[in-house]
Amino acid sequence: MSDHVSKVISKFVAEHGGSARAVLQPVGRRGIRITLVGSDGILGDQMVETMAEAEAAIAANPSVTRSEWDRELVSVATPEPAHARRMAGLMGRG
């Protein structure tokens, strides 16, 4: 596991309420997306190459709980406006 990923996750947790839930999502050849939802609802993410790396990153951060996109998690997830604009690409810059 990358120390960088672990540090980024730890920083995210510290900035967003002291805990987070993580959803691990395979995204084809690119690897695994670790989507974080802070206790304040803010979203963050990191990419790693393998599921083993993603699981190790979560295990290395005791204030992060592995989760799934269930009703409870979806209801608290709150993308920041800048996040929504980045996801929209050129369409969101109009």
Foldseek 3Di string as FASTA:
>chain_A
DDPVLLVVVCVVQVVAPNAWEWEWAADPQQAIKTWIQHPQQEIDIDGDHYPVVVVVSQVSRVRYHYDHPDPVNVVSHDYDPVRVLVVCPPVSVD
